[in-house]
Amino acid sequence: MKFGIRKPSLKKRISARTSIKRQIAHRGGLKMPKGYGWIRNPKKFAYNKVYNKTSFDIFKSLKKLFK
């Protein structure tokens, strides 16, 4: 598990937005309301919950600093 600053990756950012799996879910109307990720994939939901609490994004920190 990661603690501290997350290392940004431009490649991962782009691939997350343009993945086939995302496009199929979006266009097929298979999206779930925000907060229902635990229904779709409980294991991934638990991992992401812990990961997001123990690490932080450098870009969000900079955004708050210069706002």
C-alpha atoms as a PDB file:
ATOM      1  CA  MET A   1       0.000   0.000   0.000  1.00  0.00           C
ATOM      2  CA  LYS A   2       1.218   3.492  -0.855  1.00  0.00           C
ATOM      3  CA  PHE A   3       1.723   6.163   1.798  1.00  0.00           C
ATOM      4  CA  GLY A   4       2.433   9.811   1.024  1.00  0.00           C
ATOM      5  CA  ILE A   5       2.632  11.568  -2.345  1.00  0.00           C
ATOM      6  CA  ARG A   6       1.337   9.748  -5.430  1.00  0.00           C
ATOM      7  CA  LYS A   7       3.644   9.793  -8.435  1.00  0.00           C
ATOM      8  CA  PRO A   8       1.719  11.288 -11.378  1.00  0.00           C
ATOM      9  CA  SER A   9       1.618   9.338 -14.636  1.00  0.00           C
ATOM     10  CA  LEU A  10       0.413  11.007 -17.826  1.00  0.00           C
ATOM     11  CA  LYS A  11       0.139   7.620 -19.576  1.00  0.00           C
ATOM     12  CA  LYS A  12      -2.201   6.221 -16.903  1.00  0.00           C
ATOM     13  CA  ARG A  13      -4.284   9.414 -16.929  1.00  0.00           C
ATOM     14  CA  ILE A  14      -4.888   9.168 -20.659  1.00  0.00           C
ATOM     15  CA  SER A  15      -5.529   5.411 -20.669  1.00  0.00           C
ATOM     16  CA  ALA A  16      -8.104   5.720 -17.881  1.00  0.00           C
ATOM     17  CA  ARG A  17     -10.103   8.211 -19.946  1.00  0.00           C
ATOM     18  CA  THR A  18      -9.879   6.335 -23.232  1.00  0.00           C
ATOM     19  CA  SER A  19     -10.215   2.693 -22.175  1.00  0.00           C
ATOM     20  CA  ILE A  20     -12.588   0.411 -24.078  1.00  0.00           C
ATOM     21  CA  LYS A  21     -14.148  -0.800 -20.825  1.00  0.00           C
ATOM     22  CA  ARG A  22     -15.026   2.783 -19.829  1.00  0.00           C
ATOM     23  CA  GLN A  23     -16.462   3.590 -23.246  1.00  0.00           C
ATOM     24  CA  ILE A  24     -18.706   0.498 -23.226  1.00  0.00           C
ATOM     25  CA  ALA A  25     -20.029   1.264 -19.727  1.00  0.00           C
ATOM     26  CA  HIS A  26     -20.648   4.920 -20.591  1.00  0.00           C
ATOM     27  CA  ARG A  27     -22.392   4.338 -23.908  1.00  0.00           C
ATOM     28  CA  GLY A  28     -24.298   1.270 -22.746  1.00  0.00           C
ATOM     29  CA  GLY A  29     -25.846   3.157 -19.840  1.00  0.00           C
ATOM     30  CA  LEU A  30     -24.258   0.817 -17.293  1.00  0.00           C
ATOM     31  CA  LYS A  31     -23.061   3.654 -15.082  1.00  0.00           C
ATOM     32  CA  MET A  32     -23.986   3.495 -11.419  1.00  0.00           C
ATOM     33  CA  PRO A  33     -24.659   6.428  -9.123  1.00  0.00           C
ATOM     34  CA  LYS A  34     -21.663   7.859  -7.281  1.00  0.00           C
ATOM     35  CA  GLY A  35     -20.891   5.827  -4.163  1.00  0.00           C
ATOM     36  CA  TYR A  36     -22.172   2.500  -5.518  1.00  0.00           C
ATOM     37  CA  GLY A  37     -18.733   1.127  -6.460  1.00  0.00           C
ATOM     38  CA  TRP A  38     -18.954  -1.408  -3.648  1.00  0.00           C
ATOM     39  CA  ILE A  39     -21.771  -3.174  -5.535  1.00  0.00           C
ATOM     40  CA  ARG A  40     -19.843  -3.460  -8.799  1.00  0.00           C
ATOM     41  CA  ASN A  41     -16.485  -4.582  -7.346  1.00  0.00           C
ATOM     42  CA  PRO A  42     -16.250  -4.730  -3.515  1.00  0.00           C
ATOM     43  CA  LYS A  43     -12.574  -5.770  -3.417  1.00  0.00           C
ATOM     44  CA  LYS A  44     -11.488  -2.877  -5.632  1.00  0.00           C
ATOM     45  CA  PHE A  45     -13.697  -0.487  -3.655  1.00  0.00           C
ATOM     46  CA  ALA A  46     -12.040  -1.459  -0.350  1.00  0.00           C
ATOM     47  CA  TYR A  47      -8.534  -1.126  -1.816  1.00  0.00           C
ATOM     48  CA  ASN A  48      -9.251   2.282  -3.350  1.00  0.00           C
ATOM     49  CA  LYS A  49     -10.838   3.557  -0.131  1.00  0.00           C
ATOM     50  CA  VAL A  50      -7.685   2.788   1.874  1.00  0.00           C
ATOM     51  CA  TYR A  51      -5.347   3.992  -0.898  1.00  0.00           C
ATOM     52  CA  ASN A  52      -7.072   7.353  -1.208  1.00  0.00           C
ATOM     53  CA  LYS A  53      -6.997   7.896   2.570  1.00  0.00           C
ATOM     54  CA  THR A  54      -3.276   7.076   2.935  1.00  0.00           C
ATOM     55  CA  SER A  55      -1.899   8.962  -0.073  1.00  0.00           C
ATOM     56  CA  PHE A  56      -2.466  12.330  -1.717  1.00  0.00           C
ATOM     57  CA  ASP A  57      -2.220  13.813  -5.185  1.00  0.00           C
ATOM     58  CA  ILE A  58       0.436  16.485  -5.716  1.00  0.00           C
ATOM     59  CA  PHE A  59      -1.713  18.323  -8.291  1.00  0.00           C
ATOM     60  CA  LYS A  60      -4.656  18.667  -5.901  1.00  0.00           C
ATOM     61  CA  SER A  61      -2.285  19.978  -3.230  1.00  0.00           C
ATOM     62  CA  LEU A  62      -0.872  22.578  -5.635  1.00  0.00           C
ATOM     63  CA  LYS A  63      -4.376  23.557  -6.736  1.00  0.00           C
ATOM     64  CA  LYS A  64      -5.416  24.262  -3.138  1.00  0.00           C
ATOM     65  CA  LEU A  65      -2.180  26.179  -2.521  1.00  0.00           C
ATOM     66  CA  PHE A  66      -2.631  28.536  -5.483  1.00  0.00           C
ATOM     67  CA  LYS A  67      -6.404  28.946  -5.311  1.00  0.00           C
END
